[in-house]
Amino acid sequence: QVLTGQADAEEQLLAITAEEANEGFDLLNGPLVRGRLVRMADDDHVLLVTMHHIVSDGWSADVLTRELGALYAAFSAG
């Protein structure tokens, strides 16, 4: 989703975040993990990752966050 140049981009991001948090999961058909990339500006993006508690806990969410950060840093460095 692109919010670049919109005056209320931060408010829209909060609304998108709430929408993601409130959307249910279909435990039979999935997906149980969803990702959504929001472009705030040409060089500013927000990655929202929403997971059902059946597939993650605090420890695994922390591991995922660290690994995504490391991958992003490596990609950014070239």
N, C-alpha and C. Protein backbone atom coordinates (compact mmCIF):
# COMPACT_ATOMS: atom_id res chain seq x y z
N GLN A 1 0.85 -1.17 0.00
CA GLN A 1 0.00 0.00 0.00
C GLN A 1 0.90 1.23 0.00
N VAL A 2 0.52 2.24 -0.77
CA VAL A 2 1.34 3.44 -0.92
C VAL A 2 0.65 4.62 -0.26
N LEU A 3 1.33 5.21 0.71
CA LEU A 3 0.82 6.40 1.39
C LEU A 3 1.71 7.61 1.14
N THR A 4 2.65 7.47 0.21
CA THR A 4 3.60 8.53 -0.10
C THR A 4 2.89 9.83 -0.46
N GLY A 5 3.30 10.91 0.19
CA GLY A 5 2.77 12.23 -0.13
C GLY A 5 1.41 12.55 0.45
N GLN A 6 0.83 11.64 1.21
CA GLN A 6 -0.48 11.90 1.78
C GLN A 6 -0.32 12.57 3.15
N ALA A 7 -1.06 13.64 3.34
CA ALA A 7 -0.93 14.43 4.57
C ALA A 7 -1.26 13.62 5.82
N ASP A 8 -2.18 12.69 5.70
CA ASP A 8 -2.61 11.90 6.86
C ASP A 8 -2.01 10.50 6.85
N ALA A 9 -0.81 10.35 6.31
CA ALA A 9 -0.19 9.04 6.18
C ALA A 9 -0.05 8.32 7.52
N GLU A 10 0.35 9.03 8.55
CA GLU A 10 0.52 8.40 9.88
C GLU A 10 -0.82 7.89 10.41
N GLU A 11 -1.87 8.67 10.22
CA GLU A 11 -3.20 8.24 10.67
C GLU A 11 -3.65 7.02 9.87
N GLN A 12 -3.39 7.03 8.56
CA GLN A 12 -3.75 5.88 7.74
C GLN A 12 -2.97 4.64 8.15
N LEU A 13 -1.70 4.82 8.49
CA LEU A 13 -0.90 3.69 8.96
C LEU A 13 -1.49 3.10 10.23
N LEU A 14 -1.91 3.95 11.15
CA LEU A 14 -2.55 3.46 12.38
C LEU A 14 -3.82 2.68 12.06
N ALA A 15 -4.60 3.17 11.10
CA ALA A 15 -5.83 2.49 10.70
C ALA A 15 -5.52 1.14 10.06
N ILE A 16 -4.50 1.10 9.21
CA ILE A 16 -4.10 -0.16 8.57
C ILE A 16 -3.61 -1.15 9.62
N THR A 17 -2.84 -0.67 10.58
CA THR A 17 -2.34 -1.52 11.66
C THR A 17 -3.50 -2.11 12.46
N ALA A 18 -4.48 -1.28 12.79
CA ALA A 18 -5.65 -1.75 13.53
C ALA A 18 -6.44 -2.76 12.70
N GLU A 19 -6.57 -2.50 11.41
CA GLU A 19 -7.28 -3.42 10.51
C GLU A 19 -6.60 -4.78 10.50
N GLU A 20 -5.27 -4.78 10.38
CA GLU A 20 -4.52 -6.03 10.38
C GLU A 20 -4.69 -6.76 11.71
N ALA A 21 -4.60 -6.04 12.81
CA ALA A 21 -4.71 -6.65 14.14
C ALA A 21 -6.08 -7.24 14.38
N ASN A 22 -7.10 -6.64 13.81
CA ASN A 22 -8.47 -7.08 14.05
C ASN A 22 -8.98 -8.12 13.06
N GLU A 23 -8.22 -8.34 11.98
CA GLU A 23 -8.64 -9.33 10.99
C GLU A 23 -8.37 -10.73 11.54
N GLY A 24 -9.37 -11.58 11.47
CA GLY A 24 -9.24 -12.92 12.01
C GLY A 24 -8.40 -13.83 11.13
N PHE A 25 -8.16 -15.03 11.63
CA PHE A 25 -7.40 -16.05 10.91
C PHE A 25 -8.30 -17.25 10.66
N ASP A 26 -8.15 -17.86 9.51
CA ASP A 26 -8.84 -19.10 9.18
C ASP A 26 -7.88 -20.24 9.53
N LEU A 27 -8.12 -20.89 10.65
CA LEU A 27 -7.20 -21.91 11.13
C LEU A 27 -7.15 -23.14 10.23
N LEU A 28 -8.21 -23.39 9.48
CA LEU A 28 -8.23 -24.56 8.59
C LEU A 28 -7.52 -24.30 7.27
N ASN A 29 -7.69 -23.10 6.73
CA ASN A 29 -7.19 -22.81 5.39
C ASN A 29 -6.04 -21.82 5.35
N GLY A 30 -5.76 -21.15 6.48
CA GLY A 30 -4.66 -20.19 6.53
C GLY A 30 -4.92 -18.97 5.67
N PRO A 31 -3.93 -18.15 5.51
CA PRO A 31 -2.61 -18.24 6.12
C PRO A 31 -2.64 -17.84 7.59
N LEU A 32 -1.68 -18.34 8.33
CA LEU A 32 -1.59 -18.01 9.75
C LEU A 32 -0.55 -16.93 10.03
N VAL A 33 0.15 -16.53 8.97
CA VAL A 33 1.08 -15.41 9.02
C VAL A 33 0.80 -14.53 7.81
N ARG A 34 0.65 -13.24 8.06
CA ARG A 34 0.39 -12.30 6.96
C ARG A 34 1.44 -11.19 7.01
N GLY A 35 1.84 -10.74 5.84
CA GLY A 35 2.75 -9.61 5.74
C GLY A 35 2.13 -8.53 4.87
N ARG A 36 2.40 -7.29 5.24
CA ARG A 36 1.88 -6.15 4.48
C ARG A 36 2.92 -5.04 4.52
N LEU A 37 3.34 -4.59 3.35
CA LEU A 37 4.33 -3.53 3.25
C LEU A 37 3.63 -2.23 2.91
N VAL A 38 3.89 -1.21 3.72
CA VAL A 38 3.28 0.11 3.52
C VAL A 38 4.39 1.10 3.19
N ARG A 39 4.26 1.77 2.06
CA ARG A 39 5.25 2.77 1.66
C ARG A 39 4.81 4.13 2.18
N MET A 40 5.59 4.67 3.11
CA MET A 40 5.30 5.98 3.68
C MET A 40 5.93 7.09 2.85
N ALA A 41 7.10 6.80 2.27
CA ALA A 41 7.84 7.72 1.40
C ALA A 41 8.74 6.86 0.53
N ASP A 42 9.41 7.48 -0.43
CA ASP A 42 10.27 6.71 -1.32
C ASP A 42 11.33 5.91 -0.57
N ASP A 43 11.79 6.43 0.56
CA ASP A 43 12.83 5.76 1.33
C ASP A 43 12.37 5.41 2.75
N ASP A 44 11.08 5.24 2.93
CA ASP A 44 10.52 4.95 4.26
C ASP A 44 9.37 3.97 4.10
N HIS A 45 9.57 2.76 4.61
CA HIS A 45 8.57 1.70 4.50
C HIS A 45 8.31 1.10 5.87
N VAL A 46 7.11 0.57 6.05
CA VAL A 46 6.74 -0.13 7.28
C VAL A 46 6.27 -1.52 6.89
N LEU A 47 6.88 -2.54 7.47
CA LEU A 47 6.47 -3.92 7.24
C LEU A 47 5.63 -4.37 8.43
N LEU A 48 4.38 -4.70 8.16
CA LEU A 48 3.49 -5.23 9.19
C LEU A 48 3.46 -6.75 9.04
N VAL A 49 3.75 -7.46 10.11
CA VAL A 49 3.67 -8.92 10.12
C VAL A 49 2.68 -9.29 11.20
N THR A 50 1.64 -10.00 10.80
CA THR A 50 0.59 -10.41 11.73
C THR A 50 0.59 -11.93 11.79
N MET A 51 0.68 -12.48 13.00
CA MET A 51 0.75 -13.94 13.16
C MET A 51 -0.27 -14.39 14.20
N HIS A 52 -0.87 -15.53 13.92
CA HIS A 52 -1.75 -16.15 14.92
C HIS A 52 -0.88 -16.72 16.03
N HIS A 53 -1.37 -16.66 17.24
CA HIS A 53 -0.56 -17.13 18.38
C HIS A 53 -0.27 -18.62 18.32
N ILE A 54 -0.99 -19.36 17.49
CA ILE A 54 -0.73 -20.80 17.39
C ILE A 54 0.60 -21.09 16.67
N VAL A 55 1.09 -20.11 15.88
CA VAL A 55 2.34 -20.32 15.14
C VAL A 55 3.50 -19.50 15.69
N SER A 56 3.26 -18.70 16.70
CA SER A 56 4.36 -17.90 17.24
C SER A 56 4.14 -17.59 18.71
N ASP A 57 5.22 -17.25 19.36
CA ASP A 57 5.17 -16.76 20.73
C ASP A 57 6.17 -15.62 20.83
N GLY A 58 6.36 -15.09 21.99
CA GLY A 58 7.27 -13.96 22.16
C GLY A 58 8.68 -14.28 21.71
N TRP A 59 9.16 -15.49 22.03
CA TRP A 59 10.51 -15.88 21.65
C TRP A 59 10.66 -15.96 20.14
N SER A 60 9.73 -16.66 19.47
CA SER A 60 9.85 -16.83 18.02
C SER A 60 9.62 -15.51 17.29
N ALA A 61 8.76 -14.65 17.80
CA ALA A 61 8.57 -13.33 17.18
C ALA A 61 9.84 -12.51 17.28
N ASP A 62 10.56 -12.64 18.40
CA ASP A 62 11.83 -11.93 18.57
C ASP A 62 12.87 -12.45 17.58
N VAL A 63 12.93 -13.77 17.40
CA VAL A 63 13.86 -14.36 16.44
C VAL A 63 13.54 -13.87 15.04
N LEU A 64 12.28 -13.86 14.67
CA LEU A 64 11.86 -13.39 13.34
C LEU A 64 12.26 -11.93 13.14
N THR A 65 12.03 -11.10 14.15
CA THR A 65 12.38 -9.68 14.06
C THR A 65 13.89 -9.50 13.86
N ARG A 66 14.69 -10.23 14.63
CA ARG A 66 16.15 -10.14 14.48
C ARG A 66 16.61 -10.61 13.11
N GLU A 67 16.04 -11.73 12.63
CA GLU A 67 16.46 -12.26 11.34
C GLU A 67 16.05 -11.34 10.19
N LEU A 68 14.85 -10.79 10.26
CA LEU A 68 14.43 -9.83 9.23
C LEU A 68 15.32 -8.60 9.24
N GLY A 69 15.68 -8.13 10.43
CA GLY A 69 16.58 -6.99 10.54
C GLY A 69 17.95 -7.28 9.95
N ALA A 70 18.48 -8.47 10.21
CA ALA A 70 19.78 -8.86 9.66
C ALA A 70 19.72 -8.98 8.14
N LEU A 71 18.65 -9.57 7.63
CA LEU A 71 18.49 -9.67 6.17
C LEU A 71 18.38 -8.30 5.53
N TYR A 72 17.63 -7.42 6.15
CA TYR A 72 17.48 -6.06 5.62
C TYR A 72 18.82 -5.33 5.62
N ALA A 73 19.57 -5.45 6.70
CA ALA A 73 20.87 -4.79 6.78
C ALA A 73 21.82 -5.32 5.71
N ALA A 74 21.82 -6.64 5.51
CA ALA A 74 22.69 -7.23 4.49
C ALA A 74 22.27 -6.78 3.09
N PHE A 75 20.98 -6.75 2.84
CA PHE A 75 20.49 -6.31 1.54
C PHE A 75 20.84 -4.84 1.30
N SER A 76 20.67 -4.02 2.33
CA SER A 76 20.96 -2.59 2.21
C SER A 76 22.44 -2.33 1.95
N ALA A 77 23.29 -3.17 2.53
CA ALA A 77 24.73 -3.01 2.36
C ALA A 77 25.21 -3.46 0.98
N GLY A 78 24.36 -4.23 0.29
CA GLY A 78 24.71 -4.70 -1.05
C GLY A 78 25.42 -5.99 -0.98
